Amino acid sequence: MENPLLGGRDDRTEALLGDSLRTNEETEEIGNATLDRLRQQREQLEASAETAADTRRVTRDARRTLKAIAWKVFREKLTLILVITCLLAIDFALAYRLVTHHGSL
């Protein structure tokens, strides 16, 4: 319906209004798609944060275990050094006794 006073403006106005509505719908679809992608990214970031926290816990536990193992190895080495020192002292004492007593203990 064209208004003779407006000179075809109704058709143009309707066309512009239709274009505006289509643009609005497209913009809404793009916005919804963007929101969906942002939700997915948030979920990925949250999962990554959980994985990082788990990794930190595992690393802390592993570090604690390695320190315990290192301490145990140190104690065992110290014990071996003491045993070797005692055995050497006994060997030297026996050797001295053998030398000073002409071969008899």
N, C-alpha and C. Protein backbone atom coordinates (compact mmCIF):
# COMPACT_ATOMS: atom_id res chain seq x y z
N MET A 1 0.82 -1.18 0.00
CA MET A 1 0.00 0.00 0.00
C MET A 1 0.86 1.24 0.00
N GLU A 2 0.78 1.88 -1.06
CA GLU A 2 1.59 3.07 -1.20
C GLU A 2 0.75 4.29 -0.90
N ASN A 3 1.28 5.15 -0.12
CA ASN A 3 0.61 6.40 0.20
C ASN A 3 1.00 7.42 -0.88
N PRO A 4 0.00 7.95 -1.60
CA PRO A 4 0.34 8.87 -2.68
C PRO A 4 1.02 10.13 -2.18
N LEU A 5 0.78 10.51 -0.93
CA LEU A 5 1.39 11.72 -0.40
C LEU A 5 2.88 11.50 -0.08
N LEU A 6 3.25 10.27 0.29
CA LEU A 6 4.62 9.99 0.67
C LEU A 6 5.47 9.60 -0.53
N GLY A 7 4.85 9.26 -1.60
CA GLY A 7 5.58 8.94 -2.81
C GLY A 7 6.40 7.68 -2.72
N GLY A 8 5.82 6.59 -2.27
CA GLY A 8 6.51 5.30 -2.21
C GLY A 8 7.35 5.11 -0.96
N ARG A 9 7.21 5.97 -0.02
CA ARG A 9 8.01 5.86 1.20
C ARG A 9 7.57 4.69 2.07
N ASP A 10 6.32 4.31 2.02
CA ASP A 10 5.86 3.18 2.82
C ASP A 10 6.59 1.91 2.43
N ASP A 11 6.76 1.71 1.13
CA ASP A 11 7.47 0.50 0.67
C ASP A 11 8.92 0.53 1.13
N ARG A 12 9.53 1.69 0.98
CA ARG A 12 10.93 1.81 1.41
C ARG A 12 11.05 1.66 2.92
N THR A 13 10.10 2.24 3.63
CA THR A 13 10.11 2.14 5.09
C THR A 13 9.94 0.68 5.52
N GLU A 14 9.03 -0.02 4.86
CA GLU A 14 8.83 -1.44 5.19
C GLU A 14 10.06 -2.26 4.85
N ALA A 15 10.69 -1.94 3.73
CA ALA A 15 11.91 -2.65 3.34
C ALA A 15 13.01 -2.39 4.34
N LEU A 16 13.16 -1.14 4.74
CA LEU A 16 14.18 -0.80 5.74
C LEU A 16 13.89 -1.46 7.08
N LEU A 17 12.62 -1.46 7.45
CA LEU A 17 12.23 -2.11 8.70
C LEU A 17 12.50 -3.61 8.63
N GLY A 18 12.19 -4.23 7.51
CA GLY A 18 12.48 -5.66 7.32
C GLY A 18 13.97 -5.93 7.40
N ASP A 19 14.77 -5.07 6.73
CA ASP A 19 16.23 -5.23 6.79
C ASP A 19 16.72 -5.07 8.22
N SER A 20 16.19 -4.11 8.94
CA SER A 20 16.59 -3.88 10.33
C SER A 20 16.25 -5.09 11.20
N LEU A 21 15.07 -5.66 10.98
CA LEU A 21 14.67 -6.85 11.76
C LEU A 21 15.58 -8.04 11.45
N ARG A 22 15.90 -8.24 10.17
CA ARG A 22 16.80 -9.33 9.79
C ARG A 22 18.19 -9.11 10.40
N THR A 23 18.66 -7.88 10.35
CA THR A 23 19.97 -7.56 10.93
C THR A 23 19.95 -7.82 12.44
N ASN A 24 18.85 -7.44 13.06
CA ASN A 24 18.71 -7.67 14.50
C ASN A 24 18.73 -9.17 14.81
N GLU A 25 18.03 -9.97 14.02
CA GLU A 25 17.99 -11.42 14.23
C GLU A 25 19.37 -12.03 14.02
N GLU A 26 20.06 -11.58 12.97
CA GLU A 26 21.41 -12.09 12.70
C GLU A 26 22.36 -11.73 13.84
N THR A 27 22.23 -10.49 14.31
CA THR A 27 23.07 -10.04 15.42
C THR A 27 22.80 -10.87 16.67
N GLU A 28 21.54 -11.18 16.91
CA GLU A 28 21.18 -12.00 18.07
C GLU A 28 21.74 -13.41 17.93
N GLU A 29 21.68 -13.98 16.73
CA GLU A 29 22.24 -15.30 16.50
C GLU A 29 23.76 -15.30 16.72
N ILE A 30 24.42 -14.27 16.20
CA ILE A 30 25.87 -14.16 16.38
C ILE A 30 26.20 -14.01 17.86
N GLY A 31 25.42 -13.19 18.56
CA GLY A 31 25.63 -13.01 20.00
C GLY A 31 25.44 -14.30 20.77
N ASN A 32 24.40 -15.07 20.42
CA ASN A 32 24.16 -16.36 21.09
C ASN A 32 25.29 -17.35 20.81
N ALA A 33 25.75 -17.36 19.55
CA ALA A 33 26.86 -18.26 19.20
C ALA A 33 28.13 -17.86 19.97
N THR A 34 28.34 -16.55 20.10
CA THR A 34 29.50 -16.06 20.85
C THR A 34 29.40 -16.45 22.31
N LEU A 35 28.21 -16.31 22.88
CA LEU A 35 28.01 -16.72 24.27
C LEU A 35 28.27 -18.21 24.46
N ASP A 36 27.81 -19.03 23.51
CA ASP A 36 28.05 -20.47 23.59
C ASP A 36 29.55 -20.77 23.57
N ARG A 37 30.28 -20.10 22.66
CA ARG A 37 31.73 -20.31 22.60
C ARG A 37 32.40 -19.86 23.89
N LEU A 38 31.95 -18.75 24.43
CA LEU A 38 32.53 -18.27 25.69
C LEU A 38 32.25 -19.24 26.84
N ARG A 39 31.07 -19.84 26.86
CA ARG A 39 30.75 -20.84 27.89
C ARG A 39 31.67 -22.06 27.75
N GLN A 40 31.87 -22.49 26.51
CA GLN A 40 32.76 -23.63 26.28
C GLN A 40 34.18 -23.30 26.73
N GLN A 41 34.63 -22.11 26.42
CA GLN A 41 35.98 -21.71 26.82
C GLN A 41 36.10 -21.62 28.34
N ARG A 42 35.05 -21.13 28.99
CA ARG A 42 35.07 -21.06 30.45
C ARG A 42 35.17 -22.47 31.04
N GLU A 43 34.40 -23.40 30.49
CA GLU A 43 34.46 -24.79 30.96
C GLU A 43 35.86 -25.37 30.75
N GLN A 44 36.46 -25.07 29.60
CA GLN A 44 37.82 -25.55 29.34
C GLN A 44 38.81 -24.95 30.33
N LEU A 45 38.65 -23.66 30.60
CA LEU A 45 39.55 -23.00 31.55
C LEU A 45 39.38 -23.57 32.96
N GLU A 46 38.14 -23.83 33.34
CA GLU A 46 37.89 -24.42 34.67
C GLU A 46 38.50 -25.81 34.75
N ALA A 47 38.34 -26.59 33.69
CA ALA A 47 38.94 -27.94 33.68
C ALA A 47 40.46 -27.84 33.72
N SER A 48 41.03 -26.88 33.00
CA SER A 48 42.48 -26.70 33.01
C SER A 48 42.96 -26.28 34.39
N ALA A 49 42.20 -25.43 35.05
CA ALA A 49 42.57 -25.01 36.40
C ALA A 49 42.54 -26.20 37.37
N GLU A 50 41.55 -27.06 37.23
CA GLU A 50 41.49 -28.26 38.08
C GLU A 50 42.68 -29.17 37.80
N THR A 51 43.00 -29.34 36.52
CA THR A 51 44.14 -30.18 36.15
C THR A 51 45.43 -29.59 36.71
N ALA A 52 45.59 -28.29 36.63
CA ALA A 52 46.79 -27.63 37.16
C ALA A 52 46.87 -27.81 38.67
N ALA A 53 45.75 -27.69 39.36
CA ALA A 53 45.74 -27.88 40.82
C ALA A 53 46.12 -29.32 41.16
N ASP A 54 45.57 -30.28 40.41
CA ASP A 54 45.92 -31.69 40.64
C ASP A 54 47.41 -31.91 40.39
N THR A 55 47.92 -31.31 39.34
CA THR A 55 49.34 -31.45 39.02
C THR A 55 50.21 -30.87 40.13
N ARG A 56 49.80 -29.72 40.68
CA ARG A 56 50.56 -29.13 41.79
C ARG A 56 50.55 -30.04 43.00
N ARG A 57 49.39 -30.66 43.29
CA ARG A 57 49.31 -31.59 44.43
C ARG A 57 50.21 -32.79 44.21
N VAL A 58 50.16 -33.35 43.02
CA VAL A 58 50.99 -34.52 42.71
C VAL A 58 52.47 -34.15 42.80
N THR A 59 52.81 -32.98 42.28
CA THR A 59 54.21 -32.53 42.33
C THR A 59 54.67 -32.34 43.77
N ARG A 60 53.81 -31.74 44.59
CA ARG A 60 54.16 -31.54 46.01
C ARG A 60 54.36 -32.89 46.70
N ASP A 61 53.46 -33.83 46.45
CA ASP A 61 53.60 -35.16 47.06
C ASP A 61 54.86 -35.87 46.56
N ALA A 62 55.15 -35.73 45.28
CA ALA A 62 56.35 -36.36 44.71
C ALA A 62 57.60 -35.75 45.32
N ARG A 63 57.59 -34.43 45.48
CA ARG A 63 58.75 -33.76 46.08
C ARG A 63 58.96 -34.25 47.52
N ARG A 64 57.87 -34.39 48.26
CA ARG A 64 57.95 -34.87 49.64
C ARG A 64 58.49 -36.30 49.66
N THR A 65 58.02 -37.13 48.74
CA THR A 65 58.49 -38.51 48.67
C THR A 65 59.97 -38.57 48.31
N LEU A 66 60.38 -37.75 47.36
CA LEU A 66 61.79 -37.73 46.96
C LEU A 66 62.69 -37.26 48.11
N LYS A 67 62.22 -36.28 48.88
CA LYS A 67 63.00 -35.84 50.04
C LYS A 67 63.13 -36.96 51.07
N ALA A 68 62.04 -37.70 51.28
CA ALA A 68 62.09 -38.82 52.23
C ALA A 68 63.06 -39.89 51.74
N ILE A 69 63.04 -40.17 50.45
CA ILE A 69 63.96 -41.17 49.90
C ILE A 69 65.40 -40.68 50.03
N ALA A 70 65.64 -39.40 49.74
CA ALA A 70 67.00 -38.85 49.85
C ALA A 70 67.49 -38.93 51.29
N TRP A 71 66.63 -38.63 52.25
CA TRP A 71 67.01 -38.72 53.66
C TRP A 71 67.34 -40.16 54.05
N LYS A 72 66.54 -41.10 53.56
CA LYS A 72 66.77 -42.52 53.85
C LYS A 72 68.11 -42.97 53.26
N VAL A 73 68.39 -42.57 52.03
CA VAL A 73 69.66 -42.92 51.39
C VAL A 73 70.82 -42.32 52.17
N PHE A 74 70.69 -41.07 52.64
CA PHE A 74 71.73 -40.44 53.43
C PHE A 74 71.99 -41.22 54.72
N ARG A 75 70.92 -41.60 55.41
CA ARG A 75 71.08 -42.38 56.65
C ARG A 75 71.75 -43.71 56.39
N GLU A 76 71.36 -44.38 55.30
CA GLU A 76 71.97 -45.67 54.97
C GLU A 76 73.45 -45.50 54.64
N LYS A 77 73.80 -44.46 53.92
CA LYS A 77 75.22 -44.21 53.61
C LYS A 77 76.00 -43.91 54.89
N LEU A 78 75.41 -43.12 55.76
CA LEU A 78 76.06 -42.80 57.03
C LEU A 78 76.27 -44.07 57.85
N THR A 79 75.27 -44.93 57.87
CA THR A 79 75.39 -46.20 58.60
C THR A 79 76.50 -47.05 57.99
N LEU A 80 76.56 -47.13 56.67
CA LEU A 80 77.61 -47.91 56.01
C LEU A 80 78.99 -47.34 56.32
N ILE A 81 79.11 -46.03 56.31
CA ILE A 81 80.39 -45.39 56.64
C ILE A 81 80.81 -45.75 58.06
N LEU A 82 79.87 -45.71 59.00
CA LEU A 82 80.18 -46.07 60.39
C LEU A 82 80.59 -47.54 60.51
N VAL A 83 79.88 -48.41 59.82
CA VAL A 83 80.21 -49.85 59.87
C VAL A 83 81.59 -50.09 59.27
N ILE A 84 81.86 -49.45 58.12
CA ILE A 84 83.18 -49.61 57.48
C ILE A 84 84.28 -49.09 58.40
N THR A 85 84.02 -47.94 59.03
CA THR A 85 85.01 -47.37 59.95
C THR A 85 85.27 -48.32 61.11
N CYS A 86 84.22 -48.89 61.67
CA CYS A 86 84.39 -49.85 62.79
C CYS A 86 85.16 -51.08 62.32
N LEU A 87 84.83 -51.60 61.15
CA LEU A 87 85.54 -52.78 60.64
C LEU A 87 87.01 -52.47 60.37
N LEU A 88 87.28 -51.27 59.85
CA LEU A 88 88.68 -50.88 59.63
C LEU A 88 89.42 -50.76 60.96
N ALA A 89 88.77 -50.22 61.95
CA ALA A 89 89.40 -50.10 63.27
C ALA A 89 89.72 -51.48 63.84
N ILE A 90 88.78 -52.40 63.67
CA ILE A 90 89.01 -53.77 64.15
C ILE A 90 90.15 -54.41 63.37
N ASP A 91 90.17 -54.22 62.04
CA ASP A 91 91.26 -54.78 61.21
C ASP A 91 92.61 -54.23 61.64
N PHE A 92 92.69 -52.92 61.88
CA PHE A 92 93.96 -52.32 62.31
C PHE A 92 94.36 -52.83 63.70
N ALA A 93 93.37 -52.99 64.56
CA ALA A 93 93.68 -53.50 65.90
C ALA A 93 94.22 -54.93 65.81
N LEU A 94 93.59 -55.75 64.99
CA LEU A 94 94.05 -57.13 64.83
C LEU A 94 95.43 -57.18 64.17
N ALA A 95 95.63 -56.32 63.16
CA ALA A 95 96.94 -56.28 62.50
C ALA A 95 98.02 -55.84 63.49
N TYR A 96 97.74 -54.88 64.30
CA TYR A 96 98.69 -54.42 65.31
C TYR A 96 98.99 -55.55 66.30
N ARG A 97 97.95 -56.24 66.70
CA ARG A 97 98.13 -57.35 67.66
C ARG A 97 98.98 -58.45 67.03
N LEU A 98 98.71 -58.75 65.73
CA LEU A 98 99.51 -59.77 65.05
C LEU A 98 100.97 -59.35 64.96
N VAL A 99 101.24 -58.08 64.67
CA VAL A 99 102.61 -57.61 64.54
C VAL A 99 103.31 -57.59 65.90
N THR A 100 102.62 -57.13 66.92
CA THR A 100 103.26 -56.99 68.22
C THR A 100 103.41 -58.32 68.95
N HIS A 101 102.61 -59.32 68.65
CA HIS A 101 102.68 -60.60 69.32
C HIS A 101 103.27 -61.68 68.42
N HIS A 102 103.96 -61.32 67.39
CA HIS A 102 104.67 -62.22 66.50
C HIS A 102 103.80 -63.31 65.89
N GLY A 103 102.62 -62.90 65.38
CA GLY A 103 101.77 -63.81 64.64
C GLY A 103 100.70 -64.51 65.44
N SER A 104 100.67 -64.36 66.74
CA SER A 104 99.58 -64.99 67.50
C SER A 104 98.64 -63.91 68.02
N LEU A 105 97.39 -64.28 68.08
CA LEU A 105 96.40 -63.32 68.57
C LEU A 105 96.32 -63.46 70.06
